[in-house]
Amino acid sequence: MARFMPVLVAACVVPAMVSAGFVSEPFHLQGSVYCDTCRCGYETDATEYMAGATVRIECRSKDSDKITFTTEAVTGPDGRWNVDVTSDRGDDTCDAVLVKSANPECATPNAGRDRARVILTRNNGMTSNIRYANNMGFLKRTPLANCAQILQKYQETEEF
């Protein structure tokens, strides 16, 4: 019986420690930032993904709305950003937020696409450590000349 005790302890204590957050892998949070070249409010065939854009992860207390965690990431050449979050933020509301564009011709955050809610807890049934934020975008100052033809594909009828 004594030789089975370490196995029994390992079988019970280790899973409890993992679920309690004492032993856990970081969350790998990722997303993309784009330039809305037609100023239509969503991604199209003419969308350009932005290198060098800054994104901030902000977590706020659900009770007091005070910021409890923040970190930043910069997009790579393909417009993608990645950041690791080492702590479970189950008591917080977390968002990825556009901070800064690297392109002055495409620097106005697109209202409604300038932030994305992210879930950074293991208390929700999700087993993967990878979390995805919705793509976020900036608006180009002047739409491309061929936007009317591009948007016709999406059955947009507004004139530019």
C-alpha atoms as a PDB file:
ATOM      1  CA  MET A   1       0.000   0.000   0.000  1.00  0.00           C
ATOM      2  CA  ALA A   2       2.829   2.419   0.825  1.00  0.00           C
ATOM      3  CA  ARG A   3       4.312   2.144  -2.665  1.00  0.00           C
ATOM      4  CA  PHE A   4       0.993   3.128  -4.271  1.00  0.00           C
ATOM      5  CA  MET A   5       0.711   6.299  -2.166  1.00  0.00           C
ATOM      6  CA  PRO A   6       3.040   8.427  -4.374  1.00  0.00           C
ATOM      7  CA  VAL A   7       1.088   7.355  -7.471  1.00  0.00           C
ATOM      8  CA  LEU A   8      -2.202   8.190  -5.761  1.00  0.00           C
ATOM      9  CA  VAL A   9      -0.886  11.601  -4.666  1.00  0.00           C
ATOM     10  CA  ALA A  10       0.429  12.357  -8.166  1.00  0.00           C
ATOM     11  CA  ALA A  11      -2.872  11.311  -9.726  1.00  0.00           C
ATOM     12  CA  CYS A  12      -4.878  13.602  -7.426  1.00  0.00           C
ATOM     13  CA  VAL A  13      -2.638  16.534  -6.533  1.00  0.00           C
ATOM     14  CA  VAL A  14      -1.060  17.350  -9.902  1.00  0.00           C
ATOM     15  CA  PRO A  15      -4.387  17.757 -11.760  1.00  0.00           C
ATOM     16  CA  ALA A  16      -5.697  19.863  -8.880  1.00  0.00           C
ATOM     17  CA  MET A  17      -2.626  22.112  -9.069  1.00  0.00           C
ATOM     18  CA  VAL A  18      -3.001  22.514 -12.820  1.00  0.00           C
ATOM     19  CA  SER A  19      -6.688  23.405 -12.610  1.00  0.00           C
ATOM     20  CA  ALA A  20      -6.019  25.808  -9.737  1.00  0.00           C
ATOM     21  CA  GLY A  21      -3.468  27.661 -11.842  1.00  0.00           C
ATOM     22  CA  PHE A  22      -0.343  26.766  -9.871  1.00  0.00           C
ATOM     23  CA  VAL A  23       1.130  24.968 -12.876  1.00  0.00           C
ATOM     24  CA  SER A  24       0.055  26.306 -16.232  1.00  0.00           C
ATOM     25  CA  GLU A  25       1.250  27.217 -19.671  1.00  0.00           C
ATOM     26  CA  PRO A  26       0.924  30.831 -20.798  1.00  0.00           C
ATOM     27  CA  PHE A  27      -1.870  31.856 -23.123  1.00  0.00           C
ATOM     28  CA  HIS A  28      -0.636  32.531 -26.666  1.00  0.00           C
ATOM     29  CA  LEU A  29      -2.796  35.394 -27.898  1.00  0.00           C
ATOM     30  CA  GLN A  30      -2.702  36.347 -31.576  1.00  0.00           C
ATOM     31  CA  GLY A  31      -4.464  38.467 -34.142  1.00  0.00           C
ATOM     32  CA  SER A  32      -4.001  40.681 -37.211  1.00  0.00           C
ATOM     33  CA  VAL A  33      -4.179  44.373 -38.055  1.00  0.00           C
ATOM     34  CA  TYR A  34      -5.213  45.603 -41.477  1.00  0.00           C
ATOM     35  CA  CYS A  35      -5.657  48.773 -43.492  1.00  0.00           C
ATOM     36  CA  ASP A  36      -9.195  49.136 -44.866  1.00  0.00           C
ATOM     37  CA  THR A  37      -8.171  50.547 -48.235  1.00  0.00           C
ATOM     38  CA  CYS A  38     -11.784  51.054 -49.389  1.00  0.00           C
ATOM     39  CA  ARG A  39     -13.089  52.491 -46.080  1.00  0.00           C
ATOM     40  CA  CYS A  40     -15.989  50.036 -46.131  1.00  0.00           C
ATOM     41  CA  GLY A  41     -15.682  48.768 -42.546  1.00  0.00           C
ATOM     42  CA  TYR A  42     -14.558  45.217 -43.240  1.00  0.00           C
ATOM     43  CA  GLU A  43     -11.860  43.210 -44.981  1.00  0.00           C
ATOM     44  CA  THR A  44     -11.980  42.894 -48.774  1.00  0.00           C
ATOM     45  CA  ASP A  45      -9.749  41.618 -51.554  1.00  0.00           C
ATOM     46  CA  ALA A  46      -8.001  45.020 -51.461  1.00  0.00           C
ATOM     47  CA  THR A  47      -7.263  44.889 -47.723  1.00  0.00           C
ATOM     48  CA  GLU A  48      -3.608  45.359 -46.822  1.00  0.00           C
ATOM     49  CA  TYR A  49      -2.249  43.818 -43.629  1.00  0.00           C
ATOM     50  CA  MET A  50      -0.081  46.251 -41.687  1.00  0.00           C
ATOM     51  CA  ALA A  51       3.450  45.763 -40.430  1.00  0.00           C
ATOM     52  CA  GLY A  52       4.557  47.824 -37.449  1.00  0.00           C
ATOM     53  CA  ALA A  53       1.125  48.527 -35.939  1.00  0.00           C
ATOM     54  CA  THR A  54       0.924  48.548 -32.144  1.00  0.00           C
ATOM     55  CA  VAL A  55      -1.742  46.607 -30.258  1.00  0.00           C
ATOM     56  CA  ARG A  56      -2.340  46.767 -26.493  1.00  0.00           C
ATOM     57  CA  ILE A  57      -3.902  44.018 -24.389  1.00  0.00           C
ATOM     58  CA  GLU A  58      -5.892  45.592 -21.557  1.00  0.00           C
ATOM     59  CA  CYS A  59      -7.591  43.670 -18.783  1.00  0.00           C
ATOM     60  CA  ARG A  60      -9.936  45.463 -16.406  1.00  0.00           C
ATOM     61  CA  SER A  61     -11.483  44.343 -13.152  1.00  0.00           C
ATOM     62  CA  LYS A  62     -15.145  43.444 -13.641  1.00  0.00           C
ATOM     63  CA  ASP A  63     -15.912  45.064 -10.274  1.00  0.00           C
ATOM     64  CA  SER A  64     -13.990  48.350 -10.378  1.00  0.00           C
ATOM     65  CA  ASP A  65     -13.171  48.783 -14.112  1.00  0.00           C
ATOM     66  CA  LYS A  66      -9.556  49.515 -13.114  1.00  0.00           C
ATOM     67  CA  ILE A  67      -6.801  48.199 -15.364  1.00  0.00           C
ATOM     68  CA  THR A  68      -5.286  45.083 -13.783  1.00  0.00           C
ATOM     69  CA  PHE A  69      -3.015  43.969 -16.628  1.00  0.00           C
ATOM     70  CA  THR A  70      -1.575  45.504 -19.779  1.00  0.00           C
ATOM     71  CA  THR A  71       0.985  44.547 -22.388  1.00  0.00           C
ATOM     72  CA  GLU A  72       1.722  45.552 -25.973  1.00  0.00           C
ATOM     73  CA  ALA A  73       2.633  43.819 -29.213  1.00  0.00           C
ATOM     74  CA  VAL A  74       3.767  45.039 -32.640  1.00  0.00           C
ATOM     75  CA  THR A  75       2.666  43.423 -35.882  1.00  0.00           C
ATOM     76  CA  GLY A  76       5.176  41.635 -38.072  1.00  0.00           C
ATOM     77  CA  PRO A  77       5.564  41.922 -41.857  1.00  0.00           C
ATOM     78  CA  ASP A  78       2.347  39.947 -42.434  1.00  0.00           C
ATOM     79  CA  GLY A  79       0.262  42.138 -40.116  1.00  0.00           C
ATOM     80  CA  ARG A  80       0.079  39.474 -37.406  1.00  0.00           C
ATOM     81  CA  TRP A  81       0.827  40.062 -33.740  1.00  0.00           C
ATOM     82  CA  ASN A  82       1.486  37.574 -30.951  1.00  0.00           C
ATOM     83  CA  VAL A  83       1.790  37.991 -27.214  1.00  0.00           C
ATOM     84  CA  ASP A  84       2.032  35.582 -24.289  1.00  0.00           C
ATOM     85  CA  VAL A  85      -0.048  36.169 -21.161  1.00  0.00           C
ATOM     86  CA  THR A  86       1.231  34.130 -18.236  1.00  0.00           C
ATOM     87  CA  SER A  87      -1.627  34.613 -15.775  1.00  0.00           C
ATOM     88  CA  ASP A  88      -5.254  33.534 -15.870  1.00  0.00           C
ATOM     89  CA  ARG A  89      -7.438  36.660 -16.161  1.00  0.00           C
ATOM     90  CA  GLY A  90     -10.755  34.985 -15.278  1.00  0.00           C
ATOM     91  CA  ASP A  91     -11.863  37.834 -13.001  1.00  0.00           C
ATOM     92  CA  ASP A  92     -11.157  40.449 -15.673  1.00  0.00           C
ATOM     93  CA  THR A  93     -12.598  41.671 -18.939  1.00  0.00           C
ATOM     94  CA  CYS A  94      -9.788  41.748 -21.520  1.00  0.00           C
ATOM     95  CA  ASP A  95      -9.582  43.484 -24.886  1.00  0.00           C
ATOM     96  CA  ALA A  96      -7.027  43.803 -27.651  1.00  0.00           C
ATOM     97  CA  VAL A  97      -7.006  47.491 -28.629  1.00  0.00           C
ATOM     98  CA  LEU A  98      -5.440  49.316 -31.577  1.00  0.00           C
ATOM     99  CA  VAL A  99      -2.861  51.817 -30.338  1.00  0.00           C
ATOM    100  CA  LYS A 100      -0.873  53.106 -33.286  1.00  0.00           C
ATOM    101  CA  SER A 101      -0.527  52.645 -37.021  1.00  0.00           C
ATOM    102  CA  ALA A 102       2.859  52.625 -38.702  1.00  0.00           C
ATOM    103  CA  ASN A 103       1.305  54.098 -41.865  1.00  0.00           C
ATOM    104  CA  PRO A 104       0.245  57.788 -41.693  1.00  0.00           C
ATOM    105  CA  GLU A 105      -1.995  57.278 -44.761  1.00  0.00           C
ATOM    106  CA  CYS A 106      -3.916  54.586 -42.866  1.00  0.00           C
ATOM    107  CA  ALA A 107      -4.006  55.734 -39.264  1.00  0.00           C
ATOM    108  CA  THR A 108      -7.660  56.296 -38.298  1.00  0.00           C
ATOM    109  CA  PRO A 109      -8.971  53.415 -36.187  1.00  0.00           C
ATOM    110  CA  ASN A 110     -12.125  51.902 -37.681  1.00  0.00           C
ATOM    111  CA  ALA A 111     -14.855  52.376 -35.060  1.00  0.00           C
ATOM    112  CA  GLY A 112     -16.216  48.949 -34.166  1.00  0.00           C
ATOM    113  CA  ARG A 113     -13.128  47.210 -35.536  1.00  0.00           C
ATOM    114  CA  ASP A 114     -10.626  48.981 -33.273  1.00  0.00           C
ATOM    115  CA  ARG A 115     -10.864  46.504 -30.385  1.00  0.00           C
ATOM    116  CA  ALA A 116     -11.536  42.825 -29.870  1.00  0.00           C
ATOM    117  CA  ARG A 117     -12.661  41.005 -26.717  1.00  0.00           C
ATOM    118  CA  VAL A 118     -10.353  38.152 -25.722  1.00  0.00           C
ATOM    119  CA  ILE A 119     -10.947  35.322 -23.253  1.00  0.00           C
ATOM    120  CA  LEU A 120      -7.918  34.667 -21.043  1.00  0.00           C
ATOM    121  CA  THR A 121      -9.102  32.041 -18.589  1.00  0.00           C
ATOM    122  CA  ARG A 122      -9.087  28.280 -18.341  1.00  0.00           C
ATOM    123  CA  ASN A 123     -12.352  28.256 -16.384  1.00  0.00           C
ATOM    124  CA  ASN A 124     -14.512  28.073 -19.497  1.00  0.00           C
ATOM    125  CA  GLY A 125     -13.939  24.624 -20.974  1.00  0.00           C
ATOM    126  CA  MET A 126     -11.436  25.731 -23.619  1.00  0.00           C
ATOM    127  CA  THR A 127      -8.502  23.324 -23.594  1.00  0.00           C
ATOM    128  CA  SER A 128      -6.108  25.102 -25.953  1.00  0.00           C
ATOM    129  CA  ASN A 129      -3.638  27.721 -24.728  1.00  0.00           C
ATOM    130  CA  ILE A 130      -3.970  29.543 -28.047  1.00  0.00           C
ATOM    131  CA  ARG A 131      -6.444  32.421 -28.101  1.00  0.00           C
ATOM    132  CA  TYR A 132      -7.435  34.413 -31.190  1.00  0.00           C
ATOM    133  CA  ALA A 133      -8.546  38.031 -31.307  1.00  0.00           C
ATOM    134  CA  ASN A 134     -10.732  39.239 -34.161  1.00  0.00           C
ATOM    135  CA  ASN A 135      -8.854  41.212 -36.798  1.00  0.00           C
ATOM    136  CA  MET A 136      -8.736  44.949 -36.180  1.00  0.00           C
ATOM    137  CA  GLY A 137      -8.363  47.706 -38.736  1.00  0.00           C
ATOM    138  CA  PHE A 138      -7.422  51.259 -39.567  1.00  0.00           C
ATOM    139  CA  LEU A 139      -9.092  53.298 -42.329  1.00  0.00           C
ATOM    140  CA  LYS A 140      -7.097  54.585 -45.283  1.00  0.00           C
ATOM    141  CA  ARG A 141      -7.275  58.367 -45.634  1.00  0.00           C
ATOM    142  CA  THR A 142      -8.277  58.181 -49.328  1.00  0.00           C
ATOM    143  CA  PRO A 143      -9.927  55.041 -50.748  1.00  0.00           C
ATOM    144  CA  LEU A 144      -8.292  53.258 -53.668  1.00  0.00           C
ATOM    145  CA  ALA A 145      -9.514  54.242 -57.141  1.00  0.00           C
ATOM    146  CA  ASN A 146     -10.845  50.743 -57.901  1.00  0.00           C
ATOM    147  CA  CYS A 147     -12.932  50.370 -54.725  1.00  0.00           C
ATOM    148  CA  ALA A 148     -16.230  50.669 -56.600  1.00  0.00           C
ATOM    149  CA  GLN A 149     -15.379  47.563 -58.649  1.00  0.00           C
ATOM    150  CA  ILE A 150     -14.097  45.704 -55.595  1.00  0.00           C
ATOM    151  CA  LEU A 151     -17.189  46.501 -53.514  1.00  0.00           C
ATOM    152  CA  GLN A 152     -19.499  45.549 -56.367  1.00  0.00           C
ATOM    153  CA  LYS A 153     -18.344  42.008 -55.729  1.00  0.00           C
ATOM    154  CA  TYR A 154     -19.714  42.371 -52.194  1.00  0.00           C
ATOM    155  CA  GLN A 155     -22.904  44.017 -53.510  1.00  0.00           C
ATOM    156  CA  GLU A 156     -22.116  47.376 -51.936  1.00  0.00           C
ATOM    157  CA  THR A 157     -23.898  50.190 -53.723  1.00  0.00           C
ATOM    158  CA  GLU A 158     -22.502  53.322 -52.037  1.00  0.00           C
ATOM    159  CA  GLU A 159     -20.563  55.642 -54.311  1.00  0.00           C
ATOM    160  CA  PHE A 160     -17.119  56.964 -53.432  1.00  0.00           C
END
